[in-house]
Amino acid sequence: HGSGGTGATNMLRTFKLKAALATFAGDAAKAAAAVLLGRAI
């Protein structure tokens, strides 16, 4: 759908606000986890 992307903006346009917020939170959380892991390594 839409732009073909997997991010919060395309989720907002396709599946509305709650889905977009959940997507944003999940993507931000995985990045935070990756950085914390990188710092540990």
PDB file of all heavy atoms in Angstrom:
ATOM      1  N   HIS A   1       0.836  -1.202   0.000  1.00  0.00           N
ATOM      2  CA  HIS A   1       0.000   0.000   0.000  1.00  0.00           C
ATOM      3  C   HIS A   1       0.868   1.249   0.000  1.00  0.00           C
ATOM      4  O   HIS A   1       2.033   1.216   0.402  1.00  0.00           O
ATOM      5  CB  HIS A   1      -0.902   0.017   1.233  1.00  0.00           C
ATOM      6  CG  HIS A   1      -1.777  -1.195   1.359  1.00  0.00           C
ATOM      7  ND1 HIS A   1      -2.980  -1.311   0.703  1.00  0.00           N
ATOM      8  CD2 HIS A   1      -1.600  -2.353   2.056  1.00  0.00           C
ATOM      9  CE1 HIS A   1      -3.521  -2.477   0.992  1.00  0.00           C
ATOM     10  NE2 HIS A   1      -2.706  -3.133   1.805  1.00  0.00           N
ATOM     11  N   GLY A   2       0.280   2.345  -0.420  1.00  0.00           N
ATOM     12  CA  GLY A   2       0.914   3.652  -0.311  1.00  0.00           C
ATOM     13  C   GLY A   2       2.290   3.707  -0.917  1.00  0.00           C
ATOM     14  O   GLY A   2       2.494   3.345  -2.087  1.00  0.00           O
ATOM     15  N   SER A   3       3.255   4.138  -0.114  1.00  0.00           N
ATOM     16  CA  SER A   3       4.631   4.296  -0.588  1.00  0.00           C
ATOM     17  C   SER A   3       5.363   2.966  -0.733  1.00  0.00           C
ATOM     18  O   SER A   3       6.451   2.922  -1.306  1.00  0.00           O
ATOM     19  CB  SER A   3       5.409   5.177   0.391  1.00  0.00           C
ATOM     20  OG  SER A   3       5.551   4.518   1.644  1.00  0.00           O
ATOM     21  N   GLY A   4       4.791   1.900  -0.172  1.00  0.00           N
ATOM     22  CA  GLY A   4       5.465   0.609  -0.179  1.00  0.00           C
ATOM     23  C   GLY A   4       6.444   0.435   0.960  1.00  0.00           C
ATOM     24  O   GLY A   4       7.075  -0.620   1.084  1.00  0.00           O
ATOM     25  N   GLY A   5       6.562   1.453   1.830  1.00  0.00           N
ATOM     26  CA  GLY A   5       7.473   1.381   2.959  1.00  0.00           C
ATOM     27  C   GLY A   5       6.843   0.690   4.147  1.00  0.00           C
ATOM     28  O   GLY A   5       5.626   0.473   4.204  1.00  0.00           O
ATOM     29  N   THR A   6       7.685   0.375   5.119  1.00  0.00           N
ATOM     30  CA  THR A   6       7.218  -0.343   6.318  1.00  0.00           C
ATOM     31  C   THR A   6       7.126   0.547   7.544  1.00  0.00           C
ATOM     32  O   THR A   6       6.802   0.071   8.622  1.00  0.00           O
ATOM     33  CB  THR A   6       8.174  -1.508   6.646  1.00  0.00           C
ATOM     34  OG1 THR A   6       9.465  -0.967   6.978  1.00  0.00           O
ATOM     35  CG2 THR A   6       8.304  -2.462   5.466  1.00  0.00           C
ATOM     36  N   GLY A   7       7.416   1.835   7.391  1.00  0.00           N
ATOM     37  CA  GLY A   7       7.504   2.717   8.532  1.00  0.00           C
ATOM     38  C   GLY A   7       6.175   3.276   9.001  1.00  0.00           C
ATOM     39  O   GLY A   7       5.099   2.977   8.457  1.00  0.00           O
ATOM     40  N   ALA A   8       6.270   4.128  10.020  1.00  0.00           N
ATOM     41  CA  ALA A   8       5.076   4.656  10.678  1.00  0.00           C
ATOM     42  C   ALA A   8       4.222   5.505   9.752  1.00  0.00           C
ATOM     43  O   ALA A   8       2.994   5.496   9.862  1.00  0.00           O
ATOM     44  CB  ALA A   8       5.489   5.458  11.907  1.00  0.00           C
ATOM     45  N   THR A   9       4.840   6.252   8.844  1.00  0.00           N
ATOM     46  CA  THR A   9       4.053   7.121   7.959  1.00  0.00           C
ATOM     47  C   THR A   9       3.143   6.303   7.051  1.00  0.00           C
ATOM     48  O   THR A   9       1.951   6.606   6.898  1.00  0.00           O
ATOM     49  CB  THR A   9       4.979   8.019   7.120  1.00  0.00           C
ATOM     50  OG1 THR A   9       5.760   8.831   7.990  1.00  0.00           O
ATOM     51  CG2 THR A   9       4.162   8.918   6.204  1.00  0.00           C
ATOM     52  N   ASN A  10       3.685   5.258   6.452  1.00  0.00           N
ATOM     53  CA  ASN A  10       2.847   4.426   5.584  1.00  0.00           C
ATOM     54  C   ASN A  10       1.819   3.643   6.399  1.00  0.00           C
ATOM     55  O   ASN A  10       0.695   3.414   5.940  1.00  0.00           O
ATOM     56  CB  ASN A  10       3.706   3.467   4.760  1.00  0.00           C
ATOM     57  CG  ASN A  10       2.996   3.004   3.502  1.00  0.00           C
ATOM     58  OD1 ASN A  10       2.206   3.735   2.906  1.00  0.00           O
ATOM     59  ND2 ASN A  10       3.267   1.783   3.080  1.00  0.00           N
ATOM     60  N   MET A  11       2.181   3.246   7.614  1.00  0.00           N
ATOM     61  CA  MET A  11       1.203   2.606   8.497  1.00  0.00           C
ATOM     62  C   MET A  11       0.078   3.569   8.856  1.00  0.00           C
ATOM     63  O   MET A  11      -1.098   3.179   8.928  1.00  0.00           O
ATOM     64  CB  MET A  11       1.894   2.098   9.757  1.00  0.00           C
ATOM     65  CG  MET A  11       2.789   0.890   9.543  1.00  0.00           C
ATOM     66  SD  MET A  11       1.883  -0.639   9.160  1.00  0.00           S
ATOM     67  CE  MET A  11       1.317  -1.107  10.806  1.00  0.00           C
ATOM     68  N   LEU A  12       0.412   4.837   9.057  1.00  0.00           N
ATOM     69  CA  LEU A  12      -0.598   5.846   9.364  1.00  0.00           C
ATOM     70  C   LEU A  12      -1.581   5.997   8.214  1.00  0.00           C
ATOM     71  O   LEU A  12      -2.805   6.008   8.423  1.00  0.00           O
ATOM     72  CB  LEU A  12       0.082   7.190   9.654  1.00  0.00           C
ATOM     73  CG  LEU A  12      -0.842   8.387   9.888  1.00  0.00           C
ATOM     74  CD1 LEU A  12      -1.682   8.190  11.131  1.00  0.00           C
ATOM     75  CD2 LEU A  12      -0.023   9.675   9.984  1.00  0.00           C
ATOM     76  N   ARG A  13      -1.060   6.096   7.017  1.00  0.00           N
ATOM     77  CA  ARG A  13      -1.935   6.291   5.854  1.00  0.00           C
ATOM     78  C   ARG A  13      -2.759   5.040   5.558  1.00  0.00           C
ATOM     79  O   ARG A  13      -3.875   5.141   5.053  1.00  0.00           O
ATOM     80  CB  ARG A  13      -1.093   6.651   4.625  1.00  0.00           C
ATOM     81  CG  ARG A  13      -0.443   8.026   4.720  1.00  0.00           C
ATOM     82  CD  ARG A  13       0.052   8.499   3.367  1.00  0.00           C
ATOM     83  NE  ARG A  13       0.544   9.865   3.453  1.00  0.00           N
ATOM     84  CZ  ARG A  13       1.834  10.207   3.426  1.00  0.00           C
ATOM     85  NH1 ARG A  13       2.758   9.269   3.308  1.00  0.00           N
ATOM     86  NH2 ARG A  13       2.197  11.473   3.513  1.00  0.00           N
ATOM     87  N   THR A  14      -2.208   3.868   5.888  1.00  0.00           N
ATOM     88  CA  THR A  14      -2.874   2.622   5.521  1.00  0.00           C
ATOM     89  C   THR A  14      -3.758   2.079   6.633  1.00  0.00           C
ATOM     90  O   THR A  14      -4.892   1.663   6.386  1.00  0.00           O
ATOM     91  CB  THR A  14      -1.823   1.557   5.135  1.00  0.00           C
ATOM     92  OG1 THR A  14      -0.953   2.089   4.126  1.00  0.00           O
ATOM     93  CG2 THR A  14      -2.502   0.301   4.610  1.00  0.00           C
ATOM     94  N   PHE A  15      -3.253   2.081   7.868  1.00  0.00           N
ATOM     95  CA  PHE A  15      -3.961   1.426   8.974  1.00  0.00           C
ATOM     96  C   PHE A  15      -4.268   2.358  10.152  1.00  0.00           C
ATOM     97  O   PHE A  15      -4.673   1.891  11.208  1.00  0.00           O
ATOM     98  CB  PHE A  15      -3.152   0.225   9.475  1.00  0.00           C
ATOM     99  CG  PHE A  15      -2.897  -0.814   8.428  1.00  0.00           C
ATOM    100  CD1 PHE A  15      -1.613  -1.076   7.980  1.00  0.00           C
ATOM    101  CD2 PHE A  15      -3.941  -1.523   7.858  1.00  0.00           C
ATOM    102  CE1 PHE A  15      -1.369  -2.037   7.006  1.00  0.00           C
ATOM    103  CE2 PHE A  15      -3.714  -2.488   6.882  1.00  0.00           C
ATOM    104  CZ  PHE A  15      -2.428  -2.744   6.453  1.00  0.00           C
ATOM    105  N   LYS A  16      -4.024   3.661   9.974  1.00  0.00           N
ATOM    106  CA  LYS A  16      -4.417   4.708  10.931  1.00  0.00           C
ATOM    107  C   LYS A  16      -3.457   4.823  12.113  1.00  0.00           C
ATOM    108  O   LYS A  16      -2.423   4.177  12.195  1.00  0.00           O
ATOM    109  CB  LYS A  16      -5.860   4.525  11.398  1.00  0.00           C
ATOM    110  CG  LYS A  16      -6.855   4.416  10.234  1.00  0.00           C
ATOM    111  CD  LYS A  16      -6.723   5.544   9.232  1.00  0.00           C
ATOM    112  CE  LYS A  16      -7.690   5.388   8.054  1.00  0.00           C
ATOM    113  NZ  LYS A  16      -7.419   6.350   6.962  1.00  0.00           N
ATOM    114  N   LEU A  17      -3.847   5.697  13.072  1.00  0.00           N
ATOM    115  CA  LEU A  17      -2.920   6.240  14.063  1.00  0.00           C
ATOM    116  C   LEU A  17      -2.356   5.194  15.017  1.00  0.00           C
ATOM    117  O   LEU A  17      -1.152   5.182  15.292  1.00  0.00           O
ATOM    118  CB  LEU A  17      -3.601   7.351  14.852  1.00  0.00           C
ATOM    119  CG  LEU A  17      -2.724   8.076  15.882  1.00  0.00           C
ATOM    120  CD1 LEU A  17      -1.525   8.725  15.217  1.00  0.00           C
ATOM    121  CD2 LEU A  17      -3.549   9.102  16.644  1.00  0.00           C
ATOM    122  N   LYS A  18      -3.202   4.343  15.595  1.00  0.00           N
ATOM    123  CA  LYS A  18      -2.696   3.388  16.590  1.00  0.00           C
ATOM    124  C   LYS A  18      -1.646   2.467  15.989  1.00  0.00           C
ATOM    125  O   LYS A  18      -0.621   2.179  16.621  1.00  0.00           O
ATOM    126  CB  LYS A  18      -3.850   2.579  17.171  1.00  0.00           C
ATOM    127  CG  LYS A  18      -4.760   3.380  18.099  1.00  0.00           C
ATOM    128  CD  LYS A  18      -5.845   2.498  18.697  1.00  0.00           C
ATOM    129  CE  LYS A  18      -6.751   3.302  19.625  1.00  0.00           C
ATOM    130  NZ  LYS A  18      -7.827   2.462  20.214  1.00  0.00           N
ATOM    131  N   ALA A  19      -1.884   2.012  14.781  1.00  0.00           N
ATOM    132  CA  ALA A  19      -0.910   1.142  14.118  1.00  0.00           C
ATOM    133  C   ALA A  19       0.386   1.897  13.843  1.00  0.00           C
ATOM    134  O   ALA A  19       1.490   1.341  13.982  1.00  0.00           O
ATOM    135  CB  ALA A  19      -1.492   0.601  12.818  1.00  0.00           C
ATOM    136  N   ALA A  20       0.267   3.168  13.465  1.00  0.00           N
ATOM    137  CA  ALA A  20       1.458   3.976  13.195  1.00  0.00           C
ATOM    138  C   ALA A  20       2.277   4.189  14.463  1.00  0.00           C
ATOM    139  O   ALA A  20       3.507   4.077  14.449  1.00  0.00           O
ATOM    140  CB  ALA A  20       1.044   5.316  12.600  1.00  0.00           C
ATOM    141  N   LEU A  21       1.601   4.509  15.566  1.00  0.00           N
ATOM    142  CA  LEU A  21       2.310   4.728  16.827  1.00  0.00           C
ATOM    143  C   LEU A  21       3.007   3.453  17.301  1.00  0.00           C
ATOM    144  O   LEU A  21       4.141   3.491  17.793  1.00  0.00           O
ATOM    145  CB  LEU A  21       1.340   5.229  17.894  1.00  0.00           C
ATOM    146  CG  LEU A  21       0.780   6.644  17.673  1.00  0.00           C
ATOM    147  CD1 LEU A  21      -0.275   6.957  18.727  1.00  0.00           C
ATOM    148  CD2 LEU A  21       1.883   7.683  17.689  1.00  0.00           C
ATOM    149  N   ALA A  22       2.319   2.328  17.162  1.00  0.00           N
ATOM    150  CA  ALA A  22       2.928   1.053  17.557  1.00  0.00           C
ATOM    151  C   ALA A  22       4.134   0.735  16.691  1.00  0.00           C
ATOM    152  O   ALA A  22       5.154   0.228  17.190  1.00  0.00           O
ATOM    153  CB  ALA A  22       1.891  -0.062  17.460  1.00  0.00           C
ATOM    154  N   THR A  23       4.042   1.041  15.413  1.00  0.00           N
ATOM    155  CA  THR A  23       5.165   0.802  14.508  1.00  0.00           C
ATOM    156  C   THR A  23       6.344   1.687  14.865  1.00  0.00           C
ATOM    157  O   THR A  23       7.495   1.223  14.923  1.00  0.00           O
ATOM    158  CB  THR A  23       4.730   1.063  13.055  1.00  0.00           C
ATOM    159  OG1 THR A  23       3.667   0.165  12.720  1.00  0.00           O
ATOM    160  CG2 THR A  23       5.883   0.848  12.085  1.00  0.00           C
ATOM    161  N   PHE A  24       6.066   2.966  15.093  1.00  0.00           N
ATOM    162  CA  PHE A  24       7.138   3.887  15.478  1.00  0.00           C
ATOM    163  C   PHE A  24       7.825   3.410  16.760  1.00  0.00           C
ATOM    164  O   PHE A  24       9.054   3.381  16.846  1.00  0.00           O
ATOM    165  CB  PHE A  24       6.574   5.296  15.673  1.00  0.00           C
ATOM    166  CG  PHE A  24       7.630   6.346  15.857  1.00  0.00           C
ATOM    167  CD1 PHE A  24       8.078   7.090  14.778  1.00  0.00           C
ATOM    168  CD2 PHE A  24       8.195   6.585  17.098  1.00  0.00           C
ATOM    169  CE1 PHE A  24       9.073   8.057  14.937  1.00  0.00           C
ATOM    170  CE2 PHE A  24       9.180   7.535  17.277  1.00  0.00           C
ATOM    171  CZ  PHE A  24       9.618   8.278  16.186  1.00  0.00           C
ATOM    172  N   ALA A  25       7.019   3.027  17.743  1.00  0.00           N
ATOM    173  CA  ALA A  25       7.580   2.572  19.018  1.00  0.00           C
ATOM    174  C   ALA A  25       8.438   1.327  18.829  1.00  0.00           C
ATOM    175  O   ALA A  25       9.538   1.220  19.403  1.00  0.00           O
ATOM    176  CB  ALA A  25       6.457   2.305  20.013  1.00  0.00           C
ATOM    177  N   GLY A  26       7.964   0.385  18.034  1.00  0.00           N
ATOM    178  CA  GLY A  26       8.726  -0.838  17.807  1.00  0.00           C
ATOM    179  C   GLY A  26      10.024  -0.580  17.082  1.00  0.00           C
ATOM    180  O   GLY A  26      11.078  -1.142  17.445  1.00  0.00           O
ATOM    181  N   ASP A  27       9.979   0.280  16.066  1.00  0.00           N
ATOM    182  CA  ASP A  27      11.207   0.572  15.315  1.00  0.00           C
ATOM    183  C   ASP A  27      12.205   1.358  16.161  1.00  0.00           C
ATOM    184  O   ASP A  27      13.416   1.116  16.096  1.00  0.00           O
ATOM    185  CB  ASP A  27      10.866   1.344  14.040  1.00  0.00           C
ATOM    186  CG  ASP A  27      10.187   0.473  12.990  1.00  0.00           C
ATOM    187  OD1 ASP A  27      10.304  -0.761  13.077  1.00  0.00           O
ATOM    188  OD2 ASP A  27       9.540   1.035  12.082  1.00  0.00           O
ATOM    189  N   ALA A  28      11.701   2.305  16.961  1.00  0.00           N
ATOM    190  CA  ALA A  28      12.602   3.050  17.846  1.00  0.00           C
ATOM    191  C   ALA A  28      13.218   2.124  18.899  1.00  0.00           C
ATOM    192  O   ALA A  28      14.411   2.233  19.225  1.00  0.00           O
ATOM    193  CB  ALA A  28      11.849   4.198  18.510  1.00  0.00           C
ATOM    194  N   ALA A  29      12.410   1.203  19.417  1.00  0.00           N
ATOM    195  CA  ALA A  29      12.897   0.290  20.456  1.00  0.00           C
ATOM    196  C   ALA A  29      13.970  -0.647  19.928  1.00  0.00           C
ATOM    197  O   ALA A  29      14.968  -0.915  20.616  1.00  0.00           O
ATOM    198  CB  ALA A  29      11.728  -0.505  21.031  1.00  0.00           C
ATOM    199  N   LYS A  30      13.799  -1.157  18.707  1.00  0.00           N
ATOM    200  CA  LYS A  30      14.822  -2.066  18.186  1.00  0.00           C
ATOM    201  C   LYS A  30      16.130  -1.313  17.945  1.00  0.00           C
ATOM    202  O   LYS A  30      17.222  -1.872  18.135  1.00  0.00           O
ATOM    203  CB  LYS A  30      14.339  -2.762  16.912  1.00  0.00           C
ATOM    204  CG  LYS A  30      14.316  -1.896  15.655  1.00  0.00           C
ATOM    205  CD  LYS A  30      13.790  -2.658  14.457  1.00  0.00           C
ATOM    206  CE  LYS A  30      13.775  -1.772  13.206  1.00  0.00           C
ATOM    207  NZ  LYS A  30      13.159  -2.466  12.050  1.00  0.00           N
ATOM    208  N   ALA A  31      16.037  -0.050  17.549  1.00  0.00           N
ATOM    209  CA  ALA A  31      17.252   0.736  17.357  1.00  0.00           C
ATOM    210  C   ALA A  31      17.938   1.007  18.691  1.00  0.00           C
ATOM    211  O   ALA A  31      19.167   0.913  18.802  1.00  0.00           O
ATOM    212  CB  ALA A  31      16.922   2.048  16.650  1.00  0.00           C
ATOM    213  N   ALA A  32      17.150   1.350  19.701  1.00  0.00           N
ATOM    214  CA  ALA A  32      17.721   1.570  21.028  1.00  0.00           C
ATOM    215  C   ALA A  32      18.405   0.305  21.533  1.00  0.00           C
ATOM    216  O   ALA A  32      19.511   0.357  22.093  1.00  0.00           O
ATOM    217  CB  ALA A  32      16.634   2.020  21.997  1.00  0.00           C
ATOM    218  N   ALA A  33      17.761  -0.851  21.340  1.00  0.00           N
ATOM    219  CA  ALA A  33      18.352  -2.118  21.762  1.00  0.00           C
ATOM    220  C   ALA A  33      19.644  -2.401  21.006  1.00  0.00           C
ATOM    221  O   ALA A  33      20.632  -2.874  21.593  1.00  0.00           O
ATOM    222  CB  ALA A  33      17.352  -3.256  21.543  1.00  0.00           C
ATOM    223  N   ALA A  34      19.660  -2.101  19.707  1.00  0.00           N
ATOM    224  CA  ALA A  34      20.862  -2.332  18.908  1.00  0.00           C
ATOM    225  C   ALA A  34      22.013  -1.469  19.399  1.00  0.00           C
ATOM    226  O   ALA A  34      23.160  -1.928  19.492  1.00  0.00           O
ATOM    227  CB  ALA A  34      20.574  -2.047  17.436  1.00  0.00           C
ATOM    228  N   VAL A  35      21.727  -0.205  19.718  1.00  0.00           N
ATOM    229  CA  VAL A  35      22.773   0.698  20.195  1.00  0.00           C
ATOM    230  C   VAL A  35      23.295   0.245  21.564  1.00  0.00           C
ATOM    231  O   VAL A  35      24.509   0.244  21.813  1.00  0.00           O
ATOM    232  CB  VAL A  35      22.251   2.140  20.247  1.00  0.00           C
ATOM    233  CG1 VAL A  35      23.236   3.047  20.987  1.00  0.00           C
ATOM    234  CG2 VAL A  35      22.009   2.662  18.839  1.00  0.00           C
ATOM    235  N   LEU A  36      22.394  -0.152  22.434  1.00  0.00           N
ATOM    236  CA  LEU A  36      22.827  -0.653  23.743  1.00  0.00           C
ATOM    237  C   LEU A  36      23.698  -1.893  23.592  1.00  0.00           C
ATOM    238  O   LEU A  36      24.707  -2.046  24.292  1.00  0.00           O
ATOM    239  CB  LEU A  36      21.605  -0.960  24.610  1.00  0.00           C
ATOM    240  CG  LEU A  36      20.839   0.257  25.133  1.00  0.00           C
ATOM    241  CD1 LEU A  36      19.518  -0.180  25.755  1.00  0.00           C
ATOM    242  CD2 LEU A  36      21.679   1.041  26.144  1.00  0.00           C
ATOM    243  N   LEU A  37      23.324  -2.772  22.682  1.00  0.00           N
ATOM    244  CA  LEU A  37      24.124  -3.963  22.436  1.00  0.00           C
ATOM    245  C   LEU A  37      25.477  -3.584  21.850  1.00  0.00           C
ATOM    246  O   LEU A  37      26.519  -4.134  22.241  1.00  0.00           O
ATOM    247  CB  LEU A  37      23.372  -4.904  21.500  1.00  0.00           C
ATOM    248  CG  LEU A  37      24.051  -6.234  21.166  1.00  0.00           C
ATOM    249  CD1 LEU A  37      24.348  -7.031  22.442  1.00  0.00           C
ATOM    250  CD2 LEU A  37      23.165  -7.058  20.230  1.00  0.00           C
ATOM    251  N   GLY A  38      25.484  -2.642  20.911  1.00  0.00           N
ATOM    252  CA  GLY A  38      26.734  -2.182  20.319  1.00  0.00           C
ATOM    253  C   GLY A  38      27.664  -1.582  21.359  1.00  0.00           C
ATOM    254  O   GLY A  38      28.879  -1.810  21.328  1.00  0.00           O
ATOM    255  N   ARG A  39      27.085  -0.827  22.291  1.00  0.00           N
ATOM    256  CA  ARG A  39      27.906  -0.254  23.362  1.00  0.00           C
ATOM    257  C   ARG A  39      28.466  -1.345  24.266  1.00  0.00           C
ATOM    258  O   ARG A  39      29.611  -1.254  24.732  1.00  0.00           O
ATOM    259  CB  ARG A  39      27.076   0.740  24.172  1.00  0.00           C
ATOM    260  CG  ARG A  39      26.794   2.029  23.431  1.00  0.00           C
ATOM    261  CD  ARG A  39      25.915   2.982  24.213  1.00  0.00           C
ATOM    262  NE  ARG A  39      26.548   3.456  25.428  1.00  0.00           N
ATOM    263  CZ  ARG A  39      26.103   4.491  26.139  1.00  0.00           C
ATOM    264  NH1 ARG A  39      25.011   5.139  25.759  1.00  0.00           N
ATOM    265  NH2 ARG A  39      26.728   4.873  27.230  1.00  0.00           N
ATOM    266  N   ALA A  40      27.664  -2.379  24.521  1.00  0.00           N
ATOM    267  CA  ALA A  40      28.150  -3.473  25.357  1.00  0.00           C
ATOM    268  C   ALA A  40      29.293  -4.227  24.679  1.00  0.00           C
ATOM    269  O   ALA A  40      30.215  -4.708  25.341  1.00  0.00           O
ATOM    270  CB  ALA A  40      27.001  -4.429  25.671  1.00  0.00           C
ATOM    271  N   ILE A  41      29.237  -4.297  23.354  1.00  0.00           N
ATOM    272  CA  ILE A  41      30.259  -5.041  22.613  1.00  0.00           C
ATOM    273  C   ILE A  41      31.530  -4.224  22.421  1.00  0.00           C
ATOM    274  O   ILE A  41      32.645  -4.732  22.575  1.00  0.00           O
ATOM    275  CB  ILE A  41      29.704  -5.478  21.235  1.00  0.00           C
ATOM    276  CG1 ILE A  41      28.577  -6.500  21.416  1.00  0.00           C
ATOM    277  CG2 ILE A  41      30.812  -6.055  20.352  1.00  0.00           C
ATOM    278  CD1 ILE A  41      27.826  -6.809  20.133  1.00  0.00           C
TER     279      ILE A  41
END
